[in-house]
C-alpha atoms as a PDB file:
ATOM      1  CA  MET A   1     -86.348 153.819-125.333  1.00  0.00           C
ATOM      2  CA  LYS A   2     -89.626 152.218-126.190  1.00  0.00           C
ATOM      3  CA  ILE A   3     -90.111 148.477-125.484  1.00  0.00           C
ATOM      4  CA  ASP A   4     -90.563 147.672-129.210  1.00  0.00           C
ATOM      5  CA  ASP A   5     -87.336 149.489-130.091  1.00  0.00           C
ATOM      6  CA  VAL A   6     -85.385 147.640-127.393  1.00  0.00           C
ATOM      7  CA  ARG A   7     -86.836 144.283-128.624  1.00  0.00           C
ATOM      8  CA  ASP A   8     -85.704 144.973-132.260  1.00  0.00           C
ATOM      9  CA  LEU A   9     -82.232 146.026-131.072  1.00  0.00           C
ATOM     10  CA  LEU A  10     -81.640 143.106-128.802  1.00  0.00           C
ATOM     11  CA  MET A  11     -83.046 140.452-131.120  1.00  0.00           C
ATOM     12  CA  GLY A  12     -80.630 141.717-133.822  1.00  0.00           C
ATOM     13  CA  ARG A  13     -77.786 141.498-131.349  1.00  0.00           C
ATOM     14  CA  LEU A  14     -78.562 137.933-130.240  1.00  0.00           C
ATOM     15  CA  SER A  15     -76.869 136.159-133.204  1.00  0.00           C
ATOM     16  CA  GLU A  16     -73.631 138.088-132.567  1.00  0.00           C
ATOM     17  CA  LEU A  17     -73.069 136.920-129.040  1.00  0.00           C
ATOM     18  CA  LYS A  18     -70.809 133.966-128.290  1.00  0.00           C
ATOM     19  CA  ASN A  19     -73.015 133.168-125.289  1.00  0.00           C
ATOM     20  CA  PRO A  20     -76.606 134.082-126.269  1.00  0.00           C
ATOM     21  CA  HIS A  21     -77.699 134.222-122.602  1.00  0.00           C
ATOM     22  CA  ASP A  22     -75.545 137.375-122.194  1.00  0.00           C
ATOM     23  CA  ILE A  23     -78.343 139.245-123.856  1.00  0.00           C
ATOM     24  CA  LEU A  24     -80.238 139.152-120.590  1.00  0.00           C
ATOM     25  CA  LYS A  25     -77.454 141.410-119.072  1.00  0.00           C
ATOM     26  CA  ALA A  26     -77.870 143.996-121.849  1.00  0.00           C
ATOM     27  CA  PRO A  27     -77.921 147.614-120.449  1.00  0.00           C
ATOM     28  CA  GLU A  28     -80.948 148.438-122.576  1.00  0.00           C
ATOM     29  CA  LEU A  29     -82.950 145.754-120.836  1.00  0.00           C
ATOM     30  CA  LYS A  30     -81.724 146.913-117.408  1.00  0.00           C
ATOM     31  CA  ALA A  31     -82.758 150.464-118.394  1.00  0.00           C
ATOM     32  CA  LEU A  32     -86.299 149.313-119.152  1.00  0.00           C
ATOM     33  CA  LEU A  33     -86.502 147.613-115.754  1.00  0.00           C
ATOM     34  CA  GLY A  34     -85.308 150.786-114.146  1.00  0.00           C
ATOM     35  CA  GLN A  35     -88.066 152.782-115.836  1.00  0.00           C
ATOM     36  CA  ILE A  36     -90.853 150.826-114.144  1.00  0.00           C
ATOM     37  CA  LYS A  37     -90.700 152.996-110.986  1.00  0.00           C
ATOM     38  CA  ASP A  38     -91.101 156.171-113.028  1.00  0.00           C
ATOM     39  CA  VAL A  39     -94.243 154.980-114.964  1.00  0.00           C
ATOM     40  CA  PRO A  40     -97.544 156.417-113.753  1.00  0.00           C
ATOM     41  CA  SER A  41     -99.174 154.037-111.171  1.00  0.00           C
ATOM     42  CA  ASP A  42    -102.181 153.288-113.361  1.00  0.00           C
ATOM     43  CA  GLU A  43     -99.859 152.114-116.299  1.00  0.00           C
ATOM     44  CA  ARG A  44     -97.134 150.593-114.202  1.00  0.00           C
ATOM     45  CA  ALA A  45     -98.532 147.027-114.098  1.00  0.00           C
ATOM     46  CA  LYS A  46     -98.977 146.897-117.894  1.00  0.00           C
ATOM     47  CA  PHE A  47     -95.508 148.269-118.502  1.00  0.00           C
ATOM     48  CA  GLY A  48     -93.927 145.833-116.157  1.00  0.00           C
ATOM     49  CA  ALA A  49     -95.722 142.898-117.729  1.00  0.00           C
ATOM     50  CA  ALA A  50     -94.527 144.027-121.187  1.00  0.00           C
ATOM     51  CA  VAL A  51     -90.896 144.237-119.969  1.00  0.00           C
ATOM     52  CA  ASN A  52     -91.156 140.849-118.337  1.00  0.00           C
ATOM     53  CA  SER A  53     -92.610 139.369-121.536  1.00  0.00           C
ATOM     54  CA  LEU A  54     -89.681 140.785-123.490  1.00  0.00           C
ATOM     55  CA  ARG A  55     -87.215 139.221-121.057  1.00  0.00           C
ATOM     56  CA  GLN A  56     -88.959 135.841-121.348  1.00  0.00           C
ATOM     57  CA  GLU A  57     -88.908 136.122-125.178  1.00  0.00           C
ATOM     58  CA  LEU A  58     -85.189 136.890-125.198  1.00  0.00           C
ATOM     59  CA  LYS A  59     -84.501 133.966-122.863  1.00  0.00           C
ATOM     60  CA  GLN A  60     -86.436 131.561-125.120  1.00  0.00           C
ATOM     61  CA  GLN A  61     -84.461 132.727-128.183  1.00  0.00           C
ATOM     62  CA  ALA A  62     -81.171 132.365-126.313  1.00  0.00           C
ATOM     63  CA  ASP A  63     -82.127 128.805-125.151  1.00  0.00           C
ATOM     64  CA  GLN A  64     -82.994 127.840-128.735  1.00  0.00           C
ATOM     65  CA  LEU A  65     -79.711 129.262-130.133  1.00  0.00           C
ATOM     66  CA  THR A  66     -77.692 127.514-127.387  1.00  0.00           C
ATOM     67  CA  GLN A  67     -79.434 124.143-128.171  1.00  0.00           C
ATOM     68  CA  GLN A  68     -78.795 124.534-131.953  1.00  0.00           C
ATOM     69  CA  ALA A  69     -75.075 125.228-131.206  1.00  0.00           C
ATOM     70  CA  GLU A  70     -74.822 122.128-129.007  1.00  0.00           C
ATOM     71  CA  GLN A  71     -76.440 119.949-131.615  1.00  0.00           C
ATOM     72  CA  ALA A  72     -74.199 121.284-134.359  1.00  0.00           C
ATOM     73  CA  ALA A  73     -71.172 120.424-132.238  1.00  0.00           C
ATOM     74  CA  ILE A  74     -72.147 116.766-131.933  1.00  0.00           C
ATOM     75  CA  VAL A  75     -70.111 114.444-134.244  1.00  0.00           C
ATOM     76  CA  PRO A  76     -72.253 111.634-135.508  1.00  0.00           C
ATOM     77  CA  LEU A  77     -70.923 108.207-134.548  1.00  0.00           C
ATOM     78  CA  ASP A  78     -71.690 104.929-136.301  1.00  0.00           C
ATOM     79  CA  VAL A  79     -71.544 102.404-133.402  1.00  0.00           C
ATOM     80  CA  THR A  80     -71.507  99.486-135.855  1.00  0.00           C
ATOM     81  CA  ALA A  81     -68.346 100.701-137.602  1.00  0.00           C
ATOM     82  CA  PRO A  82     -65.001  98.915-136.602  1.00  0.00           C
ATOM     83  CA  PHE A  83     -63.218 102.211-136.784  1.00  0.00           C
ATOM     84  CA  ASP A  84     -63.320 105.830-135.535  1.00  0.00           C
ATOM     85  CA  ASP A  85     -64.531 107.793-138.610  1.00  0.00           C
ATOM     86  CA  SER A  86     -64.194 111.351-137.043  1.00  0.00           C
ATOM     87  CA  ASN A  87     -62.004 113.765-138.905  1.00  0.00           C
ATOM     88  CA  GLU A  88     -59.570 113.971-135.987  1.00  0.00           C
ATOM     89  CA  GLN A  89     -58.803 110.192-136.339  1.00  0.00           C
ATOM     90  CA  LYS A  90     -57.986 109.945-140.011  1.00  0.00           C
ATOM     91  CA  VAL A  91     -54.699 109.129-141.478  1.00  0.00           C
ATOM     92  CA  ALA A  92     -54.096 110.008-145.146  1.00  0.00           C
ATOM     93  CA  GLY A  93     -57.821 110.595-145.455  1.00  0.00           C
ATOM     94  CA  ARG A  94     -58.716 107.113-144.267  1.00  0.00           C
ATOM     95  CA  PRO A  95     -60.292 106.218-140.890  1.00  0.00           C
ATOM     96  CA  MET A  96     -58.169 104.515-138.309  1.00  0.00           C
ATOM     97  CA  LEU A  97     -59.207 101.039-137.083  1.00  0.00           C
ATOM     98  CA  LEU A  98     -60.155 101.026-133.423  1.00  0.00           C
ATOM     99  CA  PRO A  99     -57.434  99.387-131.255  1.00  0.00           C
ATOM    100  CA  VAL A 100     -58.161  95.763-130.480  1.00  0.00           C
ATOM    101  CA  GLU A 101     -55.509  95.120-127.811  1.00  0.00           C
ATOM    102  CA  GLN A 102     -58.163  95.356-125.020  1.00  0.00           C
ATOM    103  CA  ALA A 103     -60.952  93.579-126.956  1.00  0.00           C
ATOM    104  CA  THR A 104     -62.437  90.269-125.993  1.00  0.00           C
ATOM    105  CA  LEU A 105     -65.208  88.017-127.064  1.00  0.00           C
ATOM    106  CA  HIS A 106     -68.342  87.960-124.943  1.00  0.00           C
ATOM    107  CA  PRO A 107     -68.387  84.927-122.643  1.00  0.00           C
ATOM    108  CA  LEU A 108     -71.597  83.651-124.183  1.00  0.00           C
ATOM    109  CA  THR A 109     -69.980  83.718-127.654  1.00  0.00           C
ATOM    110  CA  VAL A 110     -67.048  81.800-126.399  1.00  0.00           C
ATOM    111  CA  GLU A 111     -69.145  79.216-124.696  1.00  0.00           C
ATOM    112  CA  THR A 112     -71.491  78.827-127.597  1.00  0.00           C
ATOM    113  CA  LYS A 113     -68.492  78.093-129.816  1.00  0.00           C
ATOM    114  CA  GLN A 114     -67.293  75.419-127.358  1.00  0.00           C
ATOM    115  CA  LEU A 115     -70.785  73.880-127.176  1.00  0.00           C
ATOM    116  CA  VAL A 116     -70.962  73.758-131.022  1.00  0.00           C
ATOM    117  CA  ASP A 117     -67.452  72.276-131.108  1.00  0.00           C
ATOM    118  CA  VAL A 118     -68.371  69.430-128.760  1.00  0.00           C
ATOM    119  CA  PHE A 119     -71.633  68.489-130.519  1.00  0.00           C
ATOM    120  CA  THR A 120     -70.013  68.812-133.987  1.00  0.00           C
ATOM    121  CA  ARG A 121     -67.409  66.296-132.922  1.00  0.00           C
ATOM    122  CA  MET A 122     -70.247  64.018-131.775  1.00  0.00           C
ATOM    123  CA  GLY A 123     -71.665  64.095-135.319  1.00  0.00           C
ATOM    124  CA  PHE A 124     -74.427  66.659-134.947  1.00  0.00           C
ATOM    125  CA  VAL A 125     -75.165  69.444-137.408  1.00  0.00           C
ATOM    126  CA  CYS A 126     -75.372  72.767-135.437  1.00  0.00           C
ATOM    127  CA  GLU A 127     -77.431  75.735-136.591  1.00  0.00           C
ATOM    128  CA  GLU A 128     -78.481  79.015-135.106  1.00  0.00           C
ATOM    129  CA  SER A 129     -82.180  79.326-134.367  1.00  0.00           C
ATOM    130  CA  ARG A 130     -84.599  81.941-135.642  1.00  0.00           C
ATOM    131  CA  GLN A 131     -85.527  85.075-133.658  1.00  0.00           C
ATOM    132  CA  ILE A 132     -89.055  85.375-134.954  1.00  0.00           C
ATOM    133  CA  ASP A 133     -91.488  82.586-135.553  1.00  0.00           C
ATOM    134  CA  ASP A 134     -95.184  81.529-135.757  1.00  0.00           C
ATOM    135  CA  ASP A 135     -97.748  79.668-133.715  1.00  0.00           C
ATOM    136  CA  PHE A 136     -97.431  76.467-135.667  1.00  0.00           C
ATOM    137  CA  HIS A 137     -93.716  75.940-135.122  1.00  0.00           C
ATOM    138  CA  MET A 138     -93.884  77.317-131.490  1.00  0.00           C
ATOM    139  CA  PHE A 139     -96.784  75.237-130.303  1.00  0.00           C
ATOM    140  CA  SER A 140     -98.978  73.310-132.721  1.00  0.00           C
ATOM    141  CA  SER A 141     -96.208  71.191-134.266  1.00  0.00           C
ATOM    142  CA  LEU A 142     -94.919  70.370-130.781  1.00  0.00           C
ATOM    143  CA  ASN A 143     -98.088  68.813-129.473  1.00  0.00           C
ATOM    144  CA  PHE A 144     -99.103  71.819-127.302  1.00  0.00           C
ATOM    145  CA  PRO A 145    -102.902  71.612-126.803  1.00  0.00           C
ATOM    146  CA  PRO A 146    -104.938  74.738-127.794  1.00  0.00           C
ATOM    147  CA  ASN A 147    -105.507  75.757-124.122  1.00  0.00           C
ATOM    148  CA  HIS A 148    -101.962  75.275-122.934  1.00  0.00           C
ATOM    149  CA  PRO A 149    -100.885  78.122-120.531  1.00  0.00           C
ATOM    150  CA  ALA A 150     -97.690  78.690-122.471  1.00  0.00           C
ATOM    151  CA  ARG A 151     -99.683  80.114-125.312  1.00  0.00           C
ATOM    152  CA  ASP A 152    -101.098  82.834-123.067  1.00  0.00           C
ATOM    153  CA  GLY A 153     -99.805  86.358-123.525  1.00  0.00           C
ATOM    154  CA  TYR A 154     -98.599  86.380-119.918  1.00  0.00           C
ATOM    155  CA  ASP A 155     -95.845  83.850-120.890  1.00  0.00           C
ATOM    156  CA  THR A 156     -95.157  84.510-124.547  1.00  0.00           C
ATOM    157  CA  PHE A 157     -94.370  87.740-126.446  1.00  0.00           C
ATOM    158  CA  ARG A 158     -96.389  88.360-129.628  1.00  0.00           C
ATOM    159  CA  THR A 159     -96.198  91.077-132.296  1.00  0.00           C
ATOM    160  CA  GLU A 160     -99.295  92.879-133.474  1.00  0.00           C
ATOM    161  CA  GLU A 161     -99.315  90.717-136.631  1.00  0.00           C
ATOM    162  CA  GLY A 162     -99.329  87.507-134.510  1.00  0.00           C
ATOM    163  CA  TYR A 163     -95.671  86.493-134.957  1.00  0.00           C
ATOM    164  CA  ILE A 164     -93.806  85.194-131.893  1.00  0.00           C
ATOM    165  CA  PRO A 165     -90.254  85.904-130.679  1.00  0.00           C
ATOM    166  CA  PRO A 166     -89.541  82.245-129.851  1.00  0.00           C
ATOM    167  CA  ALA A 167     -89.716  81.275-126.155  1.00  0.00           C
ATOM    168  CA  HIS A 168     -87.621  78.101-126.851  1.00  0.00           C
ATOM    169  CA  THR A 169     -85.270  76.798-129.516  1.00  0.00           C
ATOM    170  CA  THR A 170     -87.515  73.808-129.793  1.00  0.00           C
ATOM    171  CA  ALA A 171     -89.490  75.880-132.247  1.00  0.00           C
ATOM    172  CA  MET A 172     -86.853  74.786-134.761  1.00  0.00           C
ATOM    173  CA  GLU A 173     -87.696  71.072-134.292  1.00  0.00           C
ATOM    174  CA  ASN A 174     -90.473  70.707-136.934  1.00  0.00           C
ATOM    175  CA  ARG A 175     -88.282  72.373-139.575  1.00  0.00           C
ATOM    176  CA  VAL A 176     -85.305  70.074-138.682  1.00  0.00           C
ATOM    177  CA  LEU A 177     -87.416  66.901-138.718  1.00  0.00           C
ATOM    178  CA  SER A 178     -89.210  67.854-141.954  1.00  0.00           C
ATOM    179  CA  ALA A 179     -85.930  68.722-143.709  1.00  0.00           C
ATOM    180  CA  GLY A 180     -84.379  65.316-142.458  1.00  0.00           C
ATOM    181  CA  ARG A 181     -87.238  63.106-143.405  1.00  0.00           C
ATOM    182  CA  GLN A 182     -85.655  62.093-146.751  1.00  0.00           C
ATOM    183  CA  GLN A 183     -82.418  61.434-145.022  1.00  0.00           C
ATOM    184  CA  LEU A 184     -84.117  59.021-142.718  1.00  0.00           C
ATOM    185  CA  GLU A 185     -85.831  57.203-145.533  1.00  0.00           C
ATOM    186  CA  ASN A 186     -82.417  56.834-147.292  1.00  0.00           C
ATOM    187  CA  GLY A 187     -81.105  54.953-144.269  1.00  0.00           C
ATOM    188  CA  GLY A 188     -79.482  57.892-142.419  1.00  0.00           C
ATOM    189  CA  VAL A 189     -80.255  59.607-139.097  1.00  0.00           C
ATOM    190  CA  ILE A 190     -81.291  63.088-138.013  1.00  0.00           C
ATOM    191  CA  ALA A 191     -78.761  64.584-135.579  1.00  0.00           C
ATOM    192  CA  HIS A 192     -79.218  68.342-135.068  1.00  0.00           C
ATOM    193  CA  ILE A 193     -78.473  71.091-132.568  1.00  0.00           C
ATOM    194  CA  SER A 194     -80.281  74.463-132.563  1.00  0.00           C
ATOM    195  CA  TYR A 195     -78.975  77.275-130.513  1.00  0.00           C
ATOM    196  CA  GLY A 196     -79.688  81.000-130.003  1.00  0.00           C
ATOM    197  CA  ARG A 197     -81.662  83.658-128.228  1.00  0.00           C
ATOM    198  CA  VAL A 198     -85.121  83.058-126.820  1.00  0.00           C
ATOM    199  CA  PHE A 199     -87.629  85.464-125.268  1.00  0.00           C
ATOM    200  CA  ARG A 200     -90.116  85.163-122.414  1.00  0.00           C
ATOM    201  CA  ASN A 201     -92.339  87.533-120.550  1.00  0.00           C
ATOM    202  CA  GLU A 202     -90.539  87.235-117.196  1.00  0.00           C
ATOM    203  CA  ASP A 203     -89.422  89.603-114.517  1.00  0.00           C
ATOM    204  CA  ALA A 204     -85.611  89.866-114.415  1.00  0.00           C
ATOM    205  CA  ASP A 205     -83.859  88.675-111.337  1.00  0.00           C
ATOM    206  CA  VAL A 206     -80.647  86.758-110.484  1.00  0.00           C
ATOM    207  CA  THR A 207     -81.937  83.548-112.160  1.00  0.00           C
ATOM    208  CA  HIS A 208     -84.520  84.844-114.689  1.00  0.00           C
ATOM    209  CA  ASP A 209     -84.446  87.297-117.621  1.00  0.00           C
ATOM    210  CA  HIS A 210     -86.748  88.174-120.547  1.00  0.00           C
ATOM    211  CA  THR A 211     -83.865  87.385-123.037  1.00  0.00           C
ATOM    212  CA  PHE A 212     -81.466  84.566-122.724  1.00  0.00           C
ATOM    213  CA  ASN A 213     -79.942  81.713-124.820  1.00  0.00           C
ATOM    214  CA  GLN A 214     -80.900  78.100-125.203  1.00  0.00           C
ATOM    215  CA  PHE A 215     -79.555  75.062-127.023  1.00  0.00           C
ATOM    216  CA  GLU A 216     -81.768  72.176-128.176  1.00  0.00           C
ATOM    217  CA  GLY A 217     -80.931  68.893-129.736  1.00  0.00           C
ATOM    218  CA  VAL A 218     -82.831  66.224-131.592  1.00  0.00           C
ATOM    219  CA  TYR A 219     -81.826  62.786-132.771  1.00  0.00           C
ATOM    220  CA  VAL A 220     -83.993  60.376-134.849  1.00  0.00           C
ATOM    221  CA  SER A 221     -83.210  56.881-136.274  1.00  0.00           C
ATOM    222  CA  ARG A 222     -84.855  53.533-136.580  1.00  0.00           C
ATOM    223  CA  ASP A 223     -83.658  52.371-133.145  1.00  0.00           C
ATOM    224  CA  ALA A 224     -82.964  55.495-130.986  1.00  0.00           C
ATOM    225  CA  THR A 225     -83.228  54.703-127.265  1.00  0.00           C
ATOM    226  CA  LEU A 226     -83.376  56.568-123.982  1.00  0.00           C
ATOM    227  CA  GLY A 227     -80.077  54.879-122.966  1.00  0.00           C
ATOM    228  CA  GLN A 228     -78.409  56.502-126.084  1.00  0.00           C
ATOM    229  CA  MET A 229     -79.722  59.856-125.045  1.00  0.00           C
ATOM    230  CA  LEU A 230     -78.460  59.622-121.437  1.00  0.00           C
ATOM    231  CA  GLY A 231     -75.019  58.388-122.551  1.00  0.00           C
ATOM    232  CA  MET A 232     -74.720  61.205-125.060  1.00  0.00           C
ATOM    233  CA  LEU A 233     -75.676  63.839-122.530  1.00  0.00           C
ATOM    234  CA  LYS A 234     -73.289  62.403-119.962  1.00  0.00           C
ATOM    235  CA  ASP A 235     -70.519  62.610-122.453  1.00  0.00           C
ATOM    236  CA  PHE A 236     -71.380  66.222-123.291  1.00  0.00           C
ATOM    237  CA  PHE A 237     -71.414  67.418-119.706  1.00  0.00           C
ATOM    238  CA  GLU A 238     -68.171  65.547-118.855  1.00  0.00           C
ATOM    239  CA  THR A 239     -66.479  67.134-121.887  1.00  0.00           C
ATOM    240  CA  TYR A 240     -67.849  70.544-121.178  1.00  0.00           C
ATOM    241  CA  TYR A 241     -66.854  70.630-117.515  1.00  0.00           C
ATOM    242  CA  GLY A 242     -63.686  68.627-117.989  1.00  0.00           C
ATOM    243  CA  GLN A 243     -64.358  65.934-115.393  1.00  0.00           C
ATOM    244  CA  SER A 244     -66.140  62.658-114.793  1.00  0.00           C
ATOM    245  CA  LEU A 245     -69.688  63.172-113.518  1.00  0.00           C
ATOM    246  CA  ARG A 246     -72.492  61.024-112.195  1.00  0.00           C
ATOM    247  CA  ILE A 247     -75.943  61.698-113.681  1.00  0.00           C
ATOM    248  CA  LYS A 248     -79.505  60.931-112.725  1.00  0.00           C
ATOM    249  CA  THR A 249     -83.041  61.723-114.010  1.00  0.00           C
ATOM    250  CA  GLN A 250     -86.449  62.298-112.498  1.00  0.00           C
ATOM    251  CA  PRO A 251     -89.850  62.429-114.219  1.00  0.00           C
ATOM    252  CA  GLY A 252     -90.894  65.663-115.913  1.00  0.00           C
ATOM    253  CA  TYR A 253     -93.464  66.878-118.392  1.00  0.00           C
ATOM    254  CA  PHE A 254     -93.059  68.430-121.822  1.00  0.00           C
ATOM    255  CA  PRO A 255     -95.759  68.210-124.479  1.00  0.00           C
ATOM    256  CA  PHE A 256     -93.279  67.242-127.187  1.00  0.00           C
ATOM    257  CA  THR A 257     -91.688  64.231-125.390  1.00  0.00           C
ATOM    258  CA  GLU A 258     -92.991  61.043-123.845  1.00  0.00           C
ATOM    259  CA  PRO A 259     -91.597  59.936-121.427  1.00  0.00           C
ATOM    260  CA  SER A 260     -90.189  63.297-120.310  1.00  0.00           C
ATOM    261  CA  LEU A 261     -87.295  63.568-117.932  1.00  0.00           C
ATOM    262  CA  GLU A 262     -85.376  66.187-115.978  1.00  0.00           C
ATOM    263  CA  PHE A 263     -81.591  65.586-116.390  1.00  0.00           C
ATOM    264  CA  GLN A 264     -79.335  66.248-113.399  1.00  0.00           C
ATOM    265  CA  ILE A 265     -75.612  66.117-112.869  1.00  0.00           C
ATOM    266  CA  GLU A 266     -73.641  65.935-109.652  1.00  0.00           C
ATOM    267  CA  LYS A 267     -72.249  69.301-108.565  1.00  0.00           C
ATOM    268  CA  PRO A 268     -68.957  69.931-110.519  1.00  0.00           C
ATOM    269  CA  ALA A 269     -65.796  70.010-108.523  1.00  0.00           C
ATOM    270  CA  ALA A 270     -65.157  73.607-109.577  1.00  0.00           C
ATOM    271  CA  LEU A 271     -68.161  74.534-107.465  1.00  0.00           C
ATOM    272  CA  GLY A 272     -67.035  72.476-104.489  1.00  0.00           C
ATOM    273  CA  GLY A 273     -68.882  69.372-105.520  1.00  0.00           C
ATOM    274  CA  GLY A 274     -67.904  66.119-107.125  1.00  0.00           C
ATOM    275  CA  GLY A 275     -68.377  62.830-105.322  1.00  0.00           C
ATOM    276  CA  LYS A 276     -70.347  64.327-102.473  1.00  0.00           C
ATOM    277  CA  GLY A 277     -73.689  62.561-102.091  1.00  0.00           C
ATOM    278  CA  GLY A 278     -76.940  64.483-102.540  1.00  0.00           C
ATOM    279  CA  GLU A 279     -75.470  67.452-104.481  1.00  0.00           C
ATOM    280  CA  TRP A 280     -77.340  67.429-107.723  1.00  0.00           C
ATOM    281  CA  LEU A 281     -78.079  70.220-110.231  1.00  0.00           C
ATOM    282  CA  GLU A 282     -80.846  70.103-112.829  1.00  0.00           C
ATOM    283  CA  MET A 283     -79.397  71.055-116.128  1.00  0.00           C
ATOM    284  CA  LEU A 284     -82.086  70.467-118.822  1.00  0.00           C
ATOM    285  CA  GLY A 285     -85.241  68.687-119.878  1.00  0.00           C
ATOM    286  CA  CYS A 286     -85.244  65.737-122.256  1.00  0.00           C
ATOM    287  CA  GLY A 287     -87.193  62.661-123.392  1.00  0.00           C
ATOM    288  CA  MET A 288     -88.255  60.506-126.246  1.00  0.00           C
ATOM    289  CA  LEU A 289     -90.038  62.363-129.072  1.00  0.00           C
ATOM    290  CA  HIS A 290     -93.782  62.275-128.842  1.00  0.00           C
ATOM    291  CA  PRO A 291     -95.380  60.335-131.805  1.00  0.00           C
ATOM    292  CA  ASN A 292     -97.505  63.420-132.621  1.00  0.00           C
ATOM    293  CA  VAL A 293     -94.294  65.503-133.118  1.00  0.00           C
ATOM    294  CA  LEU A 294     -92.931  62.989-135.579  1.00  0.00           C
ATOM    295  CA  LYS A 295     -96.306  62.849-137.433  1.00  0.00           C
ATOM    296  CA  ALA A 296     -96.437  66.697-137.729  1.00  0.00           C
ATOM    297  CA  ALA A 297     -93.136  66.474-139.629  1.00  0.00           C
ATOM    298  CA  GLY A 298     -94.396  63.645-141.856  1.00  0.00           C
ATOM    299  CA  ILE A 299     -92.223  60.948-140.123  1.00  0.00           C
ATOM    300  CA  ASP A 300     -93.897  57.586-139.437  1.00  0.00           C
ATOM    301  CA  PRO A 301     -93.535  56.939-135.587  1.00  0.00           C
ATOM    302  CA  THR A 302     -94.015  53.214-136.149  1.00  0.00           C
ATOM    303  CA  LYS A 303     -90.789  53.071-138.160  1.00  0.00           C
ATOM    304  CA  TYR A 304     -88.623  55.805-136.495  1.00  0.00           C
ATOM    305  CA  GLN A 305     -88.147  57.030-133.038  1.00  0.00           C
ATOM    306  CA  GLY A 306     -86.022  59.751-131.509  1.00  0.00           C
ATOM    307  CA  PHE A 307     -85.127  61.781-128.527  1.00  0.00           C
ATOM    308  CA  ALA A 308     -84.708  65.531-127.838  1.00  0.00           C
ATOM    309  CA  TRP A 309     -83.336  67.767-125.092  1.00  0.00           C
ATOM    310  CA  GLY A 310     -83.006  71.438-124.382  1.00  0.00           C
ATOM    311  CA  GLY A 311     -81.522  73.727-121.779  1.00  0.00           C
ATOM    312  CA  GLY A 312     -80.197  77.212-121.040  1.00  0.00           C
ATOM    313  CA  LEU A 313     -76.677  78.220-122.123  1.00  0.00           C
ATOM    314  CA  GLU A 314     -76.406  80.796-119.335  1.00  0.00           C
ATOM    315  CA  ARG A 315     -76.955  78.060-116.776  1.00  0.00           C
ATOM    316  CA  LEU A 316     -74.006  76.094-118.133  1.00  0.00           C
ATOM    317  CA  VAL A 317     -71.757  79.164-118.107  1.00  0.00           C
ATOM    318  CA  MET A 318     -72.839  80.377-114.663  1.00  0.00           C
ATOM    319  CA  LEU A 319     -71.963  76.969-113.145  1.00  0.00           C
ATOM    320  CA  LYS A 320     -68.643  76.803-115.057  1.00  0.00           C
ATOM    321  CA  TYR A 321     -67.463  80.223-113.883  1.00  0.00           C
ATOM    322  CA  GLY A 322     -69.350  80.639-110.627  1.00  0.00           C
ATOM    323  CA  ILE A 323     -71.367  83.643-111.891  1.00  0.00           C
ATOM    324  CA  GLU A 324     -73.993  84.613-109.368  1.00  0.00           C
ATOM    325  CA  ASP A 325     -76.395  86.834-111.424  1.00  0.00           C
ATOM    326  CA  LEU A 326     -77.903  86.014-114.822  1.00  0.00           C
ATOM    327  CA  ARG A 327     -78.367  89.648-115.616  1.00  0.00           C
ATOM    328  CA  HIS A 328     -74.586  90.298-115.898  1.00  0.00           C
ATOM    329  CA  PHE A 329     -74.580  88.674-119.373  1.00  0.00           C
ATOM    330  CA  GLU A 330     -76.786  91.401-120.870  1.00  0.00           C
ATOM    331  CA  SER A 331     -75.603  94.308-118.661  1.00  0.00           C
ATOM    332  CA  GLY A 332     -72.735  95.500-120.863  1.00  0.00           C
ATOM    333  CA  LYS A 333     -70.682  96.101-117.725  1.00  0.00           C
ATOM    334  CA  LEU A 334     -66.951  96.291-118.496  1.00  0.00           C
ATOM    335  CA  ALA A 335     -66.008  95.123-115.041  1.00  0.00           C
ATOM    336  CA  PHE A 336     -67.838  91.811-115.615  1.00  0.00           C
ATOM    337  CA  LEU A 337     -66.611  91.367-119.288  1.00  0.00           C
ATOM    338  CA  ARG A 338     -62.922  92.014-118.364  1.00  0.00           C
ATOM    339  CA  LYS A 339     -63.016  88.950-116.133  1.00  0.00           C
ATOM    340  CA  PHE A 340     -63.067  86.855-119.355  1.00  0.00           C
ATOM    341  CA  ARG A 341     -60.212  88.671-121.121  1.00  0.00           C
ATOM    342  CA  GLY A 342     -57.848  86.186-122.612  1.00  0.00           C
END
């Protein structure tokens, strides 16, 4: 048979085969290969190339048909649906809900709820922070100078349009202060907690990640003091860790507070500490609100004063449960998540 005749015959047979690659075993193709030795020597190379070209063409068609069949067999899955919507898992035409006997809340969700519960009982309004923001709320309203290194692209993510995935929940502070200004003037106070995800251009390791969670608090009144702040933070950590704790501070620097402090607690008993001298853990940064931050929100710093603090949620949880690697929280590993079942 001629090569063109074999091509037409085998191409027509391809769609009938259960396994399209079986076409490469067709006797007609083997017969063409067997004819090569009988072709005159001056035409043998050309004939052999044509047969090989036909074989490659058949293989490509078989590959394509196999891929199409595999794609057609894939059942689309909506990963956001709380049920299995495949035809095999329907009862009376309705999808079955996925079983929840083995389900559990993520540890960060559980601990966020506890944090919110503690501060709510202290009288604070708690609100989830934004996940996209702008330069004013991230930096300018918080007294960051124009040349501050945190504004640099090496530290802070930015979109092509200039928006910023917030690097700290403190980006909510100007909104909170501006919204509470009238409340202050009416004789009340501002007591607010912001919590949520933040994003930084960092290499991931056991203590760092590009995505993590923070909580930030701010309190403003006519007579807010540093002593009030330290007492409130001590109460929070003692409630969260369920034990009495000693605290101490050391000087720090944050553009939005003055004076600025680094807040430390003694190592909790759950980690082998408690009452042993010299075992201190830095938990968060804090301080009295800088007058420029109050002015940016339209609050007169000669009449009102306040304090603010902020820290990482993962750090709280890691100490509470003895978790050794920050990356576990975002890993999706079931072996890690099952430790928090129930």
